[in-house]
Amino acid sequence: MRNCADELQHGRYAQVFFPEGKFIGQDEYEARLRQADISVPEFEQEVKSEILFDKLRNLVTASAAVTDAEVRKEFERRNSKVSSTTPSLAKMICSKAFIPPMPS
């Protein structure tokens, strides 16, 4: 993951420093940052960090996406197990030893 000047130019600050796609000029750029009480290197490092963070967040959330079908399949896998130690009702009914309860 790396940053490039193109990403800086088209990111969230593009309208401030690149209105209509044209750079406002180095002097105006520096003046606006001075007015915001931040140096050019600090600002550019901050923007680069934001871009890296956004890329990392997108990478993590994209890999964590699960479809409805995947959720259903996993739910069924986890919840449809039958214990082998518990005899099934069908097996008990078919057994000759099964005596149904008498109605009262």
N, C-alpha and C. Protein backbone atom coordinates (compact mmCIF):
# COMPACT_ATOMS: atom_id res chain seq x y z
N MET A 1 0.84 -1.17 0.00
CA MET A 1 0.00 0.00 0.00
C MET A 1 0.89 1.24 0.00
N ARG A 2 0.73 2.05 -0.99
CA ARG A 2 1.52 3.27 -1.02
C ARG A 2 0.67 4.42 -1.53
N ASN A 3 1.06 5.62 -1.19
CA ASN A 3 0.35 6.83 -1.61
C ASN A 3 0.97 7.34 -2.90
N CYS A 4 0.22 8.12 -3.62
CA CYS A 4 0.79 8.81 -4.77
C CYS A 4 0.16 10.20 -4.86
N ALA A 5 0.83 11.08 -5.58
CA ALA A 5 0.37 12.47 -5.70
C ALA A 5 -1.04 12.53 -6.28
N ASP A 6 -1.35 11.60 -7.17
CA ASP A 6 -2.68 11.58 -7.78
C ASP A 6 -3.78 11.38 -6.73
N GLU A 7 -3.51 10.51 -5.74
CA GLU A 7 -4.50 10.30 -4.67
C GLU A 7 -4.67 11.54 -3.82
N LEU A 8 -3.56 12.25 -3.57
CA LEU A 8 -3.65 13.50 -2.81
C LEU A 8 -4.47 14.54 -3.57
N GLN A 9 -4.29 14.57 -4.86
CA GLN A 9 -4.98 15.56 -5.70
C GLN A 9 -6.47 15.27 -5.82
N HIS A 10 -6.88 14.01 -5.70
CA HIS A 10 -8.28 13.65 -5.90
C HIS A 10 -8.98 13.22 -4.62
N GLY A 11 -8.35 13.42 -3.47
CA GLY A 11 -8.93 13.02 -2.19
C GLY A 11 -9.91 14.03 -1.65
N ARG A 12 -10.12 13.98 -0.34
CA ARG A 12 -11.13 14.83 0.30
C ARG A 12 -10.78 16.31 0.31
N TYR A 13 -9.52 16.65 0.04
CA TYR A 13 -9.10 18.05 0.02
C TYR A 13 -9.00 18.62 -1.39
N ALA A 14 -9.41 17.85 -2.36
CA ALA A 14 -9.27 18.26 -3.76
C ALA A 14 -10.00 19.58 -4.05
N GLN A 15 -11.19 19.76 -3.53
CA GLN A 15 -11.95 20.99 -3.81
C GLN A 15 -11.28 22.23 -3.21
N VAL A 16 -10.56 22.04 -2.13
CA VAL A 16 -9.90 23.17 -1.46
C VAL A 16 -8.64 23.59 -2.23
N PHE A 17 -7.85 22.59 -2.64
CA PHE A 17 -6.56 22.91 -3.24
C PHE A 17 -6.52 22.70 -4.76
N PHE A 18 -7.53 22.03 -5.29
CA PHE A 18 -7.59 21.77 -6.73
C PHE A 18 -9.00 22.07 -7.27
N PRO A 19 -9.50 23.28 -7.04
CA PRO A 19 -10.85 23.57 -7.55
C PRO A 19 -10.87 23.46 -9.07
N GLU A 20 -11.90 22.82 -9.57
CA GLU A 20 -12.05 22.57 -11.01
C GLU A 20 -10.85 21.83 -11.57
N GLY A 21 -10.17 21.05 -10.72
CA GLY A 21 -9.05 20.23 -11.16
C GLY A 21 -7.73 20.97 -11.34
N LYS A 22 -7.70 22.26 -10.99
CA LYS A 22 -6.47 23.04 -11.16
C LYS A 22 -5.91 23.45 -9.80
N PHE A 23 -4.61 23.23 -9.64
CA PHE A 23 -3.93 23.56 -8.39
C PHE A 23 -3.99 25.06 -8.15
N ILE A 24 -4.25 25.47 -6.91
CA ILE A 24 -4.38 26.89 -6.57
C ILE A 24 -3.04 27.62 -6.57
N GLY A 25 -1.96 26.87 -6.62
CA GLY A 25 -0.62 27.48 -6.61
C GLY A 25 0.05 27.28 -5.26
N GLN A 26 1.35 27.16 -5.30
CA GLN A 26 2.12 26.86 -4.09
C GLN A 26 1.96 27.93 -3.03
N ASP A 27 1.99 29.21 -3.43
CA ASP A 27 1.88 30.30 -2.45
C ASP A 27 0.53 30.27 -1.74
N GLU A 28 -0.54 30.12 -2.49
CA GLU A 28 -1.89 30.06 -1.90
C GLU A 28 -2.05 28.81 -1.04
N TYR A 29 -1.50 27.71 -1.50
CA TYR A 29 -1.53 26.44 -0.76
C TYR A 29 -0.88 26.63 0.62
N GLU A 30 0.32 27.19 0.63
CA GLU A 30 1.04 27.42 1.88
C GLU A 30 0.31 28.43 2.77
N ALA A 31 -0.27 29.47 2.16
CA ALA A 31 -1.01 30.49 2.92
C ALA A 31 -2.23 29.87 3.62
N ARG A 32 -2.95 29.03 2.93
CA ARG A 32 -4.13 28.39 3.54
C ARG A 32 -3.74 27.48 4.69
N LEU A 33 -2.63 26.77 4.51
CA LEU A 33 -2.18 25.90 5.59
C LEU A 33 -1.68 26.71 6.79
N ARG A 34 -0.98 27.81 6.53
CA ARG A 34 -0.53 28.69 7.62
C ARG A 34 -1.75 29.22 8.38
N GLN A 35 -2.77 29.60 7.63
CA GLN A 35 -3.99 30.13 8.24
C GLN A 35 -4.65 29.06 9.12
N ALA A 36 -4.51 27.80 8.74
CA ALA A 36 -5.04 26.69 9.53
C ALA A 36 -4.07 26.26 10.63
N ASP A 37 -2.94 26.96 10.75
CA ASP A 37 -1.92 26.71 11.76
C ASP A 37 -1.33 25.30 11.66
N ILE A 38 -0.98 24.92 10.42
CA ILE A 38 -0.33 23.63 10.18
C ILE A 38 0.72 23.82 9.09
N SER A 39 1.84 23.15 9.24
CA SER A 39 2.90 23.28 8.23
C SER A 39 2.60 22.37 7.04
N VAL A 40 3.23 22.67 5.93
CA VAL A 40 3.04 21.86 4.72
C VAL A 40 3.44 20.40 4.98
N PRO A 41 4.63 20.13 5.55
CA PRO A 41 4.99 18.72 5.79
C PRO A 41 4.02 18.01 6.74
N GLU A 42 3.56 18.71 7.78
CA GLU A 42 2.60 18.10 8.72
C GLU A 42 1.30 17.76 8.01
N PHE A 43 0.79 18.70 7.23
CA PHE A 43 -0.46 18.48 6.51
C PHE A 43 -0.33 17.32 5.54
N GLU A 44 0.73 17.31 4.75
CA GLU A 44 0.89 16.27 3.75
C GLU A 44 1.07 14.89 4.40
N GLN A 45 1.77 14.85 5.53
CA GLN A 45 1.90 13.58 6.25
C GLN A 45 0.55 13.12 6.79
N GLU A 46 -0.23 14.06 7.28
CA GLU A 46 -1.56 13.75 7.80
C GLU A 46 -2.45 13.19 6.68
N VAL A 47 -2.40 13.80 5.52
CA VAL A 47 -3.21 13.33 4.39
C VAL A 47 -2.76 11.94 3.96
N LYS A 48 -1.46 11.72 3.90
CA LYS A 48 -0.94 10.40 3.53
C LYS A 48 -1.38 9.34 4.53
N SER A 49 -1.35 9.68 5.82
CA SER A 49 -1.79 8.75 6.85
C SER A 49 -3.28 8.42 6.70
N GLU A 50 -4.08 9.44 6.38
CA GLU A 50 -5.51 9.22 6.16
C GLU A 50 -5.75 8.28 4.99
N ILE A 51 -4.99 8.47 3.92
CA ILE A 51 -5.14 7.62 2.74
C ILE A 51 -4.78 6.17 3.08
N LEU A 52 -3.68 5.99 3.79
CA LEU A 52 -3.28 4.63 4.20
C LEU A 52 -4.32 3.99 5.10
N PHE A 53 -4.83 4.76 6.05
CA PHE A 53 -5.86 4.24 6.94
C PHE A 53 -7.11 3.84 6.17
N ASP A 54 -7.54 4.69 5.23
CA ASP A 54 -8.71 4.36 4.41
C ASP A 54 -8.48 3.08 3.61
N LYS A 55 -7.29 2.93 3.04
CA LYS A 55 -6.98 1.72 2.27
C LYS A 55 -7.01 0.48 3.16
N LEU A 56 -6.43 0.59 4.33
CA LEU A 56 -6.42 -0.54 5.26
C LEU A 56 -7.82 -0.90 5.71
N ARG A 57 -8.62 0.12 6.07
CA ARG A 57 -10.00 -0.12 6.49
C ARG A 57 -10.80 -0.79 5.37
N ASN A 58 -10.63 -0.30 4.14
CA ASN A 58 -11.33 -0.90 3.01
C ASN A 58 -10.90 -2.34 2.77
N LEU A 59 -9.62 -2.62 2.93
CA LEU A 59 -9.11 -3.97 2.76
C LEU A 59 -9.70 -4.91 3.81
N VAL A 60 -9.73 -4.46 5.05
CA VAL A 60 -10.25 -5.29 6.14
C VAL A 60 -11.75 -5.50 5.99
N THR A 61 -12.50 -4.44 5.72
CA THR A 61 -13.95 -4.60 5.62
C THR A 61 -14.36 -5.38 4.38
N ALA A 62 -13.60 -5.27 3.30
CA ALA A 62 -13.92 -6.03 2.09
C ALA A 62 -13.74 -7.52 2.33
N SER A 63 -12.71 -7.88 3.07
CA SER A 63 -12.47 -9.30 3.32
C SER A 63 -13.42 -9.84 4.38
N ALA A 64 -14.08 -8.96 5.12
CA ALA A 64 -15.00 -9.40 6.17
C ALA A 64 -16.44 -9.49 5.67
N ALA A 65 -16.68 -9.16 4.43
CA ALA A 65 -18.04 -9.20 3.89
C ALA A 65 -18.50 -10.64 3.75
N VAL A 66 -19.72 -10.90 4.18
CA VAL A 66 -20.29 -12.25 4.13
C VAL A 66 -21.66 -12.14 3.49
N THR A 67 -21.94 -13.01 2.54
CA THR A 67 -23.24 -12.99 1.88
C THR A 67 -24.30 -13.64 2.76
N ASP A 68 -25.57 -13.37 2.45
CA ASP A 68 -26.67 -14.00 3.17
C ASP A 68 -26.60 -15.52 3.05
N ALA A 69 -26.25 -16.00 1.87
CA ALA A 69 -26.16 -17.45 1.64
C ALA A 69 -25.09 -18.07 2.52
N GLU A 70 -23.95 -17.37 2.68
CA GLU A 70 -22.89 -17.89 3.54
C GLU A 70 -23.32 -17.92 5.00
N VAL A 71 -24.06 -16.90 5.43
CA VAL A 71 -24.56 -16.87 6.81
C VAL A 71 -25.53 -18.02 7.04
N ARG A 72 -26.45 -18.22 6.10
CA ARG A 72 -27.44 -19.30 6.23
C ARG A 72 -26.75 -20.66 6.27
N LYS A 73 -25.79 -20.88 5.39
CA LYS A 73 -25.07 -22.16 5.33
C LYS A 73 -24.36 -22.44 6.65
N GLU A 74 -23.69 -21.42 7.20
CA GLU A 74 -22.98 -21.59 8.47
C GLU A 74 -23.96 -21.81 9.61
N PHE A 75 -25.07 -21.10 9.60
CA PHE A 75 -26.09 -21.29 10.63
C PHE A 75 -26.61 -22.72 10.61
N GLU A 76 -26.93 -23.20 9.42
CA GLU A 76 -27.44 -24.58 9.30
C GLU A 76 -26.39 -25.59 9.71
N ARG A 77 -25.14 -25.34 9.33
CA ARG A 77 -24.06 -26.26 9.71
C ARG A 77 -23.93 -26.35 11.23
N ARG A 78 -24.03 -25.20 11.89
CA ARG A 78 -23.85 -25.19 13.34
C ARG A 78 -25.07 -25.68 14.10
N ASN A 79 -26.25 -25.54 13.51
CA ASN A 79 -27.47 -25.82 14.26
C ASN A 79 -28.23 -27.05 13.81
N SER A 80 -27.73 -27.80 12.88
CA SER A 80 -28.48 -28.97 12.42
C SER A 80 -27.81 -30.28 12.80
N LYS A 81 -26.90 -30.24 13.75
CA LYS A 81 -26.23 -31.46 14.20
C LYS A 81 -27.16 -32.24 15.12
N VAL A 82 -27.15 -33.53 14.96
CA VAL A 82 -27.93 -34.42 15.83
C VAL A 82 -26.94 -35.19 16.68
N SER A 83 -27.19 -35.21 17.94
CA SER A 83 -26.29 -35.92 18.84
C SER A 83 -26.42 -37.41 18.62
N SER A 84 -25.33 -38.09 18.49
CA SER A 84 -25.36 -39.53 18.25
C SER A 84 -25.70 -40.28 19.53
N THR A 85 -25.64 -39.64 20.67
CA THR A 85 -25.97 -40.31 21.93
C THR A 85 -27.45 -40.23 22.24
N THR A 86 -28.18 -39.38 21.58
CA THR A 86 -29.62 -39.24 21.81
C THR A 86 -30.36 -40.04 20.74
N PRO A 87 -31.15 -41.03 21.13
CA PRO A 87 -31.87 -41.80 20.12
C PRO A 87 -32.94 -40.95 19.47
N SER A 88 -33.13 -41.13 18.19
CA SER A 88 -34.14 -40.34 17.50
C SER A 88 -35.52 -40.89 17.81
N LEU A 89 -36.51 -40.03 17.77
CA LEU A 89 -37.89 -40.42 18.04
C LEU A 89 -38.34 -41.47 17.04
N ALA A 90 -37.96 -41.30 15.78
CA ALA A 90 -38.36 -42.27 14.75
C ALA A 90 -37.80 -43.64 15.07
N LYS A 91 -36.57 -43.72 15.54
CA LYS A 91 -35.95 -44.99 15.88
C LYS A 91 -36.69 -45.63 17.05
N MET A 92 -37.06 -44.81 18.02
CA MET A 92 -37.76 -45.34 19.19
C MET A 92 -39.14 -45.87 18.81
N ILE A 93 -39.86 -45.18 17.92
CA ILE A 93 -41.21 -45.60 17.52
C ILE A 93 -41.14 -46.90 16.74
N CYS A 94 -40.13 -47.02 15.89
CA CYS A 94 -40.00 -48.23 15.07
C CYS A 94 -39.50 -49.43 15.88
N SER A 95 -38.96 -49.17 17.02
CA SER A 95 -38.43 -50.25 17.84
C SER A 95 -39.59 -51.04 18.46
N LYS A 96 -39.40 -52.34 18.59
CA LYS A 96 -40.45 -53.19 19.19
C LYS A 96 -40.60 -52.91 20.67
N ALA A 97 -39.59 -52.30 21.27
CA ALA A 97 -39.62 -52.04 22.69
C ALA A 97 -40.44 -50.79 23.03
N PHE A 98 -40.82 -50.03 22.04
CA PHE A 98 -41.55 -48.76 22.28
C PHE A 98 -42.99 -49.07 22.66
N ILE A 99 -43.39 -48.55 23.79
CA ILE A 99 -44.78 -48.72 24.26
C ILE A 99 -45.35 -47.30 24.38
N PRO A 100 -46.33 -46.96 23.52
CA PRO A 100 -46.90 -45.61 23.58
C PRO A 100 -47.64 -45.40 24.89
N PRO A 101 -47.67 -44.20 25.40
CA PRO A 101 -48.39 -43.92 26.64
C PRO A 101 -49.88 -44.12 26.43
N MET A 102 -50.55 -44.60 27.47
CA MET A 102 -51.99 -44.83 27.41
C MET A 102 -52.73 -43.53 27.74
N PRO A 103 -53.76 -43.22 26.94
CA PRO A 103 -54.55 -42.02 27.25
C PRO A 103 -55.31 -42.24 28.55
N SER A 104 -55.49 -41.17 29.30
CA SER A 104 -56.20 -41.33 30.55
C SER A 104 -57.65 -40.99 30.44
